[in-house]
């Protein structure tokens, strides 16, 4: 399972990160992006991820999230 998680993060890094942040290590990515306090709320029609209004790395988080959303399979 850890190998699969590592490969997913590495694949995301190569596709969705900018030039400046593409060379970050997996541990740094996990610390900055995945260790964020939030709450997942399920409504009748969709899932909402509610994050804190202030986060140190929120610019990078939303930039990577936007890049992930733009991927076309």
PDB file of N, CA and C in Angstrom:
ATOM      1  N   UNK A   1       0.824  -1.179   0.000  1.00  0.00           N
ATOM      2  CA  UNK A   1       0.000   0.000   0.000  1.00  0.00           C
ATOM      3  C   UNK A   1       0.874   1.251   0.000  1.00  0.00           C
ATOM      4  N   UNK A   2       1.966   1.228   0.756  1.00  0.00           N
ATOM      5  CA  UNK A   2       2.838   2.402   0.800  1.00  0.00           C
ATOM      6  C   UNK A   2       3.514   2.641  -0.550  1.00  0.00           C
ATOM      7  N   UNK A   3       3.823   1.577  -1.265  1.00  0.00           N
ATOM      8  CA  UNK A   3       4.404   1.714  -2.594  1.00  0.00           C
ATOM      9  C   UNK A   3       3.412   2.357  -3.555  1.00  0.00           C
ATOM     10  N   UNK A   4       2.163   1.962  -3.474  1.00  0.00           N
ATOM     11  CA  UNK A   4       1.123   2.556  -4.311  1.00  0.00           C
ATOM     12  C   UNK A   4       0.939   4.037  -3.974  1.00  0.00           C
ATOM     13  N   UNK A   5       0.912   4.379  -2.693  1.00  0.00           N
ATOM     14  CA  UNK A   5       0.765   5.773  -2.283  1.00  0.00           C
ATOM     15  C   UNK A   5       1.954   6.610  -2.756  1.00  0.00           C
ATOM     16  N   UNK A   6       3.156   6.074  -2.658  1.00  0.00           N
ATOM     17  CA  UNK A   6       4.344   6.782  -3.129  1.00  0.00           C
ATOM     18  C   UNK A   6       4.251   7.036  -4.630  1.00  0.00           C
ATOM     19  N   UNK A   7       3.836   6.038  -5.381  1.00  0.00           N
ATOM     20  CA  UNK A   7       3.735   6.199  -6.826  1.00  0.00           C
ATOM     21  C   UNK A   7       2.666   7.209  -7.226  1.00  0.00           C
ATOM     22  N   UNK A   8       1.562   7.253  -6.502  1.00  0.00           N
ATOM     23  CA  UNK A   8       0.515   8.239  -6.787  1.00  0.00           C
ATOM     24  C   UNK A   8       1.035   9.651  -6.534  1.00  0.00           C
ATOM     25  N   UNK A   9       1.724   9.862  -5.415  1.00  0.00           N
ATOM     26  CA  UNK A   9       2.270  11.183  -5.117  1.00  0.00           C
ATOM     27  C   UNK A   9       3.334  11.557  -6.135  1.00  0.00           C
ATOM     28  N   UNK A  10       4.174  10.637  -6.519  1.00  0.00           N
ATOM     29  CA  UNK A  10       5.224  10.911  -7.495  1.00  0.00           C
ATOM     30  C   UNK A  10       4.619  11.223  -8.863  1.00  0.00           C
ATOM     31  N   UNK A  11       3.595  10.502  -9.263  1.00  0.00           N
ATOM     32  CA  UNK A  11       2.901  10.743 -10.525  1.00  0.00           C
ATOM     33  C   UNK A  11       2.225  12.114 -10.512  1.00  0.00           C
ATOM     34  N   UNK A  12       1.602  12.472  -9.396  1.00  0.00           N
ATOM     35  CA  UNK A  12       0.970  13.785  -9.261  1.00  0.00           C
ATOM     36  C   UNK A  12       2.010  14.886  -9.323  1.00  0.00           C
ATOM     37  N   UNK A  13       3.156  14.652  -8.711  1.00  0.00           N
ATOM     38  CA  UNK A  13       4.220  15.658  -8.722  1.00  0.00           C
ATOM     39  C   UNK A  13       4.698  15.941 -10.130  1.00  0.00           C
ATOM     40  N   UNK A  14       4.853  14.916 -10.931  1.00  0.00           N
ATOM     41  CA  UNK A  14       5.354  15.130 -12.278  1.00  0.00           C
ATOM     42  C   UNK A  14       4.315  15.770 -13.194  1.00  0.00           C
ATOM     43  N   UNK A  15       3.027  15.539 -12.954  1.00  0.00           N
ATOM     44  CA  UNK A  15       1.990  16.086 -13.826  1.00  0.00           C
ATOM     45  C   UNK A  15       1.446  17.434 -13.384  1.00  0.00           C
ATOM     46  N   UNK A  16       1.306  17.659 -12.098  1.00  0.00           N
ATOM     47  CA  UNK A  16       0.507  18.784 -11.610  1.00  0.00           C
ATOM     48  C   UNK A  16       1.288  19.886 -10.917  1.00  0.00           C
ATOM     49  N   UNK A  17       2.552  19.684 -10.629  1.00  0.00           N
ATOM     50  CA  UNK A  17       3.304  20.708  -9.921  1.00  0.00           C
ATOM     51  C   UNK A  17       4.017  21.620 -10.902  1.00  0.00           C
ATOM     52  N   UNK A  18       4.295  22.842 -10.474  1.00  0.00           N
ATOM     53  CA  UNK A  18       4.993  23.799 -11.312  1.00  0.00           C
ATOM     54  C   UNK A  18       6.491  23.489 -11.304  1.00  0.00           C
ATOM     55  N   UNK A  19       7.228  24.230 -12.104  1.00  0.00           N
ATOM     56  CA  UNK A  19       8.667  23.991 -12.203  1.00  0.00           C
ATOM     57  C   UNK A  19       9.377  24.176 -10.856  1.00  0.00           C
ATOM     58  N   UNK A  20       8.971  25.174 -10.092  1.00  0.00           N
ATOM     59  CA  UNK A  20       9.639  25.443  -8.821  1.00  0.00           C
ATOM     60  C   UNK A  20       9.366  24.409  -7.752  1.00  0.00           C
ATOM     61  N   UNK A  21       8.205  23.814  -7.780  1.00  0.00           N
ATOM     62  CA  UNK A  21       7.854  22.865  -6.730  1.00  0.00           C
ATOM     63  C   UNK A  21       7.897  21.414  -7.195  1.00  0.00           C
ATOM     64  N   UNK A  22       8.239  21.164  -8.432  1.00  0.00           N
ATOM     65  CA  UNK A  22       8.271  19.796  -8.946  1.00  0.00           C
ATOM     66  C   UNK A  22       9.442  18.989  -8.394  1.00  0.00           C
ATOM     67  N   UNK A  23      10.439  19.662  -7.841  1.00  0.00           N
ATOM     68  CA  UNK A  23      11.597  18.930  -7.328  1.00  0.00           C
ATOM     69  C   UNK A  23      11.518  18.683  -5.824  1.00  0.00           C
ATOM     70  N   UNK A  24      10.354  18.927  -5.205  1.00  0.00           N
ATOM     71  CA  UNK A  24      10.192  18.652  -3.779  1.00  0.00           C
ATOM     72  C   UNK A  24      10.168  17.143  -3.537  1.00  0.00           C
ATOM     73  N   UNK A  25      10.643  16.747  -2.375  1.00  0.00           N
ATOM     74  CA  UNK A  25      10.611  15.342  -2.012  1.00  0.00           C
ATOM     75  C   UNK A  25       9.204  14.957  -1.580  1.00  0.00           C
ATOM     76  N   UNK A  26       8.931  13.669  -1.595  1.00  0.00           N
ATOM     77  CA  UNK A  26       7.601  13.170  -1.265  1.00  0.00           C
ATOM     78  C   UNK A  26       7.229  13.527   0.168  1.00  0.00           C
ATOM     79  N   UNK A  27       8.172  13.466   1.101  1.00  0.00           N
ATOM     80  CA  UNK A  27       7.874  13.824   2.491  1.00  0.00           C
ATOM     81  C   UNK A  27       7.485  15.295   2.625  1.00  0.00           C
ATOM     82  N   UNK A  28       8.127  16.165   1.846  1.00  0.00           N
ATOM     83  CA  UNK A  28       7.802  17.591   1.876  1.00  0.00           C
ATOM     84  C   UNK A  28       6.415  17.837   1.304  1.00  0.00           C
ATOM     85  N   UNK A  29       6.073  17.146   0.230  1.00  0.00           N
ATOM     86  CA  UNK A  29       4.741  17.271  -0.364  1.00  0.00           C
ATOM     87  C   UNK A  29       3.680  16.818   0.624  1.00  0.00           C
ATOM     88  N   UNK A  30       3.932  15.715   1.272  1.00  0.00           N
ATOM     89  CA  UNK A  30       2.977  15.189   2.257  1.00  0.00           C
ATOM     90  C   UNK A  30       2.792  16.165   3.408  1.00  0.00           C
ATOM     91  N   UNK A  31       3.876  16.776   3.856  1.00  0.00           N
ATOM     92  CA  UNK A  31       3.802  17.717   4.968  1.00  0.00           C
ATOM     93  C   UNK A  31       3.045  18.985   4.578  1.00  0.00           C
ATOM     94  N   UNK A  32       3.292  19.499   3.371  1.00  0.00           N
ATOM     95  CA  UNK A  32       2.702  20.773   2.969  1.00  0.00           C
ATOM     96  C   UNK A  32       1.279  20.652   2.444  1.00  0.00           C
ATOM     97  N   UNK A  33       0.940  19.549   1.803  1.00  0.00           N
ATOM     98  CA  UNK A  33      -0.354  19.457   1.140  1.00  0.00           C
ATOM     99  C   UNK A  33      -1.335  18.516   1.811  1.00  0.00           C
ATOM    100  N   UNK A  34      -0.889  17.411   2.333  1.00  0.00           N
ATOM    101  CA  UNK A  34      -1.810  16.407   2.843  1.00  0.00           C
ATOM    102  C   UNK A  34      -2.071  16.524   4.339  1.00  0.00           C
ATOM    103  N   UNK A  35      -1.177  17.140   5.063  1.00  0.00           N
ATOM    104  CA  UNK A  35      -1.383  17.313   6.495  1.00  0.00           C
ATOM    105  C   UNK A  35      -2.046  18.664   6.738  1.00  0.00           C
ATOM    106  N   UNK A  36      -3.258  18.786   6.229  1.00  0.00           N
ATOM    107  CA  UNK A  36      -4.037  20.018   6.338  1.00  0.00           C
ATOM    108  C   UNK A  36      -5.320  19.681   7.083  1.00  0.00           C
ATOM    109  N   UNK A  37      -5.631  20.478   8.088  1.00  0.00           N
ATOM    110  CA  UNK A  37      -6.866  20.248   8.827  1.00  0.00           C
ATOM    111  C   UNK A  37      -8.057  20.620   7.954  1.00  0.00           C
ATOM    112  N   UNK A  38      -9.002  19.732   7.846  1.00  0.00           N
ATOM    113  CA  UNK A  38     -10.178  19.983   7.039  1.00  0.00           C
ATOM    114  C   UNK A  38     -11.311  19.072   7.449  1.00  0.00           C
ATOM    115  N   UNK A  39     -12.439  19.299   6.841  1.00  0.00           N
ATOM    116  CA  UNK A  39     -13.625  18.523   7.159  1.00  0.00           C
ATOM    117  C   UNK A  39     -14.341  18.193   5.853  1.00  0.00           C
ATOM    118  N   UNK A  40     -14.668  16.942   5.657  1.00  0.00           N
ATOM    119  CA  UNK A  40     -15.399  16.511   4.476  1.00  0.00           C
ATOM    120  C   UNK A  40     -16.876  16.426   4.834  1.00  0.00           C
ATOM    121  N   UNK A  41     -17.694  17.221   4.128  1.00  0.00           N
ATOM    122  CA  UNK A  41     -19.125  17.302   4.414  1.00  0.00           C
ATOM    123  C   UNK A  41     -19.880  16.754   3.215  1.00  0.00           C
ATOM    124  N   UNK A  42     -20.782  15.845   3.456  1.00  0.00           N
ATOM    125  CA  UNK A  42     -21.596  15.263   2.396  1.00  0.00           C
ATOM    126  C   UNK A  42     -22.973  15.911   2.424  1.00  0.00           C
ATOM    127  N   UNK A  43     -23.336  16.530   1.301  1.00  0.00           N
ATOM    128  CA  UNK A  43     -24.675  17.103   1.175  1.00  0.00           C
ATOM    129  C   UNK A  43     -25.494  16.150   0.316  1.00  0.00           C
ATOM    130  N   UNK A  44     -26.680  16.556  -0.046  1.00  0.00           N
ATOM    131  CA  UNK A  44     -27.541  15.695  -0.857  1.00  0.00           C
ATOM    132  C   UNK A  44     -26.986  15.417  -2.230  1.00  0.00           C
ATOM    133  N   UNK A  45     -26.233  16.357  -2.801  1.00  0.00           N
ATOM    134  CA  UNK A  45     -25.771  16.202  -4.181  1.00  0.00           C
ATOM    135  C   UNK A  45     -24.265  16.144  -4.361  1.00  0.00           C
ATOM    136  N   UNK A  46     -23.505  16.581  -3.391  1.00  0.00           N
ATOM    137  CA  UNK A  46     -22.060  16.617  -3.605  1.00  0.00           C
ATOM    138  C   UNK A  46     -21.294  16.502  -2.296  1.00  0.00           C
ATOM    139  N   UNK A  47     -19.998  16.339  -2.435  1.00  0.00           N
ATOM    140  CA  UNK A  47     -19.087  16.319  -1.299  1.00  0.00           C
ATOM    141  C   UNK A  47     -18.355  17.648  -1.247  1.00  0.00           C
ATOM    142  N   UNK A  48     -18.260  18.230  -0.076  1.00  0.00           N
ATOM    143  CA  UNK A  48     -17.552  19.492   0.103  1.00  0.00           C
ATOM    144  C   UNK A  48     -16.369  19.271   1.031  1.00  0.00           C
ATOM    145  N   UNK A  49     -15.229  19.790   0.639  1.00  0.00           N
ATOM    146  CA  UNK A  49     -14.047  19.750   1.488  1.00  0.00           C
ATOM    147  C   UNK A  49     -13.881  21.135   2.086  1.00  0.00           C
ATOM    148  N   UNK A  50     -14.131  21.262   3.364  1.00  0.00           N
ATOM    149  CA  UNK A  50     -14.023  22.545   4.046  1.00  0.00           C
ATOM    150  C   UNK A  50     -12.660  22.623   4.711  1.00  0.00           C
ATOM    151  N   UNK A  51     -11.876  23.581   4.266  1.00  0.00           N
ATOM    152  CA  UNK A  51     -10.545  23.791   4.810  1.00  0.00           C
ATOM    153  C   UNK A  51     -10.541  25.038   5.677  1.00  0.00           C
ATOM    154  N   UNK A  52      -9.502  25.200   6.442  1.00  0.00           N
ATOM    155  CA  UNK A  52      -9.341  26.394   7.253  1.00  0.00           C
ATOM    156  C   UNK A  52      -9.220  27.608   6.340  1.00  0.00           C
ATOM    157  N   UNK A  53      -9.662  28.753   6.807  1.00  0.00           N
ATOM    158  CA  UNK A  53      -9.585  29.959   5.982  1.00  0.00           C
ATOM    159  C   UNK A  53      -8.148  30.448   5.831  1.00  0.00           C
ATOM    160  N   UNK A  54      -7.258  29.994   6.685  1.00  0.00           N
ATOM    161  CA  UNK A  54      -5.864  30.381   6.591  1.00  0.00           C
ATOM    162  C   UNK A  54      -4.999  29.128   6.706  1.00  0.00           C
ATOM    163  N   UNK A  55      -4.149  28.951   5.732  1.00  0.00           N
ATOM    164  CA  UNK A  55      -3.200  27.843   5.729  1.00  0.00           C
ATOM    165  C   UNK A  55      -1.916  28.361   5.117  1.00  0.00           C
ATOM    166  N   UNK A  56      -0.796  27.991   5.654  1.00  0.00           N
ATOM    167  CA  UNK A  56       0.483  28.526   5.211  1.00  0.00           C
ATOM    168  C   UNK A  56       0.740  28.226   3.730  1.00  0.00           C
ATOM    169  N   UNK A  57       0.392  27.047   3.284  1.00  0.00           N
ATOM    170  CA  UNK A  57       0.682  26.624   1.921  1.00  0.00           C
ATOM    171  C   UNK A  57      -0.584  26.563   1.065  1.00  0.00           C
ATOM    172  N   UNK A  58      -1.564  27.404   1.335  1.00  0.00           N
ATOM    173  CA  UNK A  58      -2.825  27.301   0.606  1.00  0.00           C
ATOM    174  C   UNK A  58      -2.689  27.707  -0.855  1.00  0.00           C
ATOM    175  N   UNK A  59      -1.776  28.583  -1.194  1.00  0.00           N
ATOM    176  CA  UNK A  59      -1.563  28.945  -2.592  1.00  0.00           C
ATOM    177  C   UNK A  59      -1.103  27.754  -3.411  1.00  0.00           C
ATOM    178  N   UNK A  60      -0.129  27.017  -2.890  1.00  0.00           N
ATOM    179  CA  UNK A  60       0.358  25.820  -3.561  1.00  0.00           C
ATOM    180  C   UNK A  60      -0.723  24.751  -3.622  1.00  0.00           C
ATOM    181  N   UNK A  61      -1.480  24.601  -2.546  1.00  0.00           N
ATOM    182  CA  UNK A  61      -2.543  23.602  -2.508  1.00  0.00           C
ATOM    183  C   UNK A  61      -3.568  23.856  -3.604  1.00  0.00           C
ATOM    184  N   UNK A  62      -4.049  25.086  -3.711  1.00  0.00           N
ATOM    185  CA  UNK A  62      -5.078  25.389  -4.703  1.00  0.00           C
ATOM    186  C   UNK A  62      -4.526  25.380  -6.130  1.00  0.00           C
ATOM    187  N   UNK A  63      -3.253  25.692  -6.289  1.00  0.00           N
ATOM    188  CA  UNK A  63      -2.635  25.619  -7.606  1.00  0.00           C
ATOM    189  C   UNK A  63      -2.554  24.165  -8.074  1.00  0.00           C
ATOM    190  N   UNK A  64      -2.116  23.277  -7.207  1.00  0.00           N
ATOM    191  CA  UNK A  64      -2.035  21.858  -7.559  1.00  0.00           C
ATOM    192  C   UNK A  64      -3.432  21.284  -7.771  1.00  0.00           C
ATOM    193  N   UNK A  65      -4.393  21.675  -6.932  1.00  0.00           N
ATOM    194  CA  UNK A  65      -5.765  21.217  -7.096  1.00  0.00           C
ATOM    195  C   UNK A  65      -6.339  21.655  -8.437  1.00  0.00           C
ATOM    196  N   UNK A  66      -6.081  22.887  -8.840  1.00  0.00           N
ATOM    197  CA  UNK A  66      -6.528  23.367 -10.139  1.00  0.00           C
ATOM    198  C   UNK A  66      -5.897  22.594 -11.286  1.00  0.00           C
ATOM    199  N   UNK A  67      -4.616  22.273 -11.157  1.00  0.00           N
ATOM    200  CA  UNK A  67      -3.937  21.485 -12.188  1.00  0.00           C
ATOM    201  C   UNK A  67      -4.490  20.072 -12.270  1.00  0.00           C
ATOM    202  N   UNK A  68      -4.849  19.496 -11.141  1.00  0.00           N
ATOM    203  CA  UNK A  68      -5.444  18.159 -11.132  1.00  0.00           C
ATOM    204  C   UNK A  68      -6.808  18.196 -11.818  1.00  0.00           C
ATOM    205  N   UNK A  69      -7.588  19.243 -11.540  1.00  0.00           N
ATOM    206  CA  UNK A  69      -8.911  19.356 -12.142  1.00  0.00           C
ATOM    207  C   UNK A  69      -8.848  19.574 -13.650  1.00  0.00           C
ATOM    208  N   UNK A  70      -7.753  20.126 -14.156  1.00  0.00           N
ATOM    209  CA  UNK A  70      -7.620  20.378 -15.586  1.00  0.00           C
ATOM    210  C   UNK A  70      -7.142  19.158 -16.377  1.00  0.00           C
ATOM    211  N   UNK A  71      -6.710  18.117 -15.667  1.00  0.00           N
ATOM    212  CA  UNK A  71      -6.264  16.910 -16.379  1.00  0.00           C
ATOM    213  C   UNK A  71      -7.439  16.268 -17.114  1.00  0.00           C
ATOM    214  N   UNK A  72      -7.202  15.920 -18.330  1.00  0.00           N
ATOM    215  CA  UNK A  72      -8.240  15.224 -19.129  1.00  0.00           C
ATOM    216  C   UNK A  72      -7.778  13.797 -19.336  1.00  0.00           C
ATOM    217  N   UNK A  73      -8.635  12.869 -19.002  1.00  0.00           N
ATOM    218  CA  UNK A  73      -8.292  11.469 -19.176  1.00  0.00           C
ATOM    219  C   UNK A  73      -8.894  11.041 -20.453  1.00  0.00           C
TER     220      UNK A  73
END
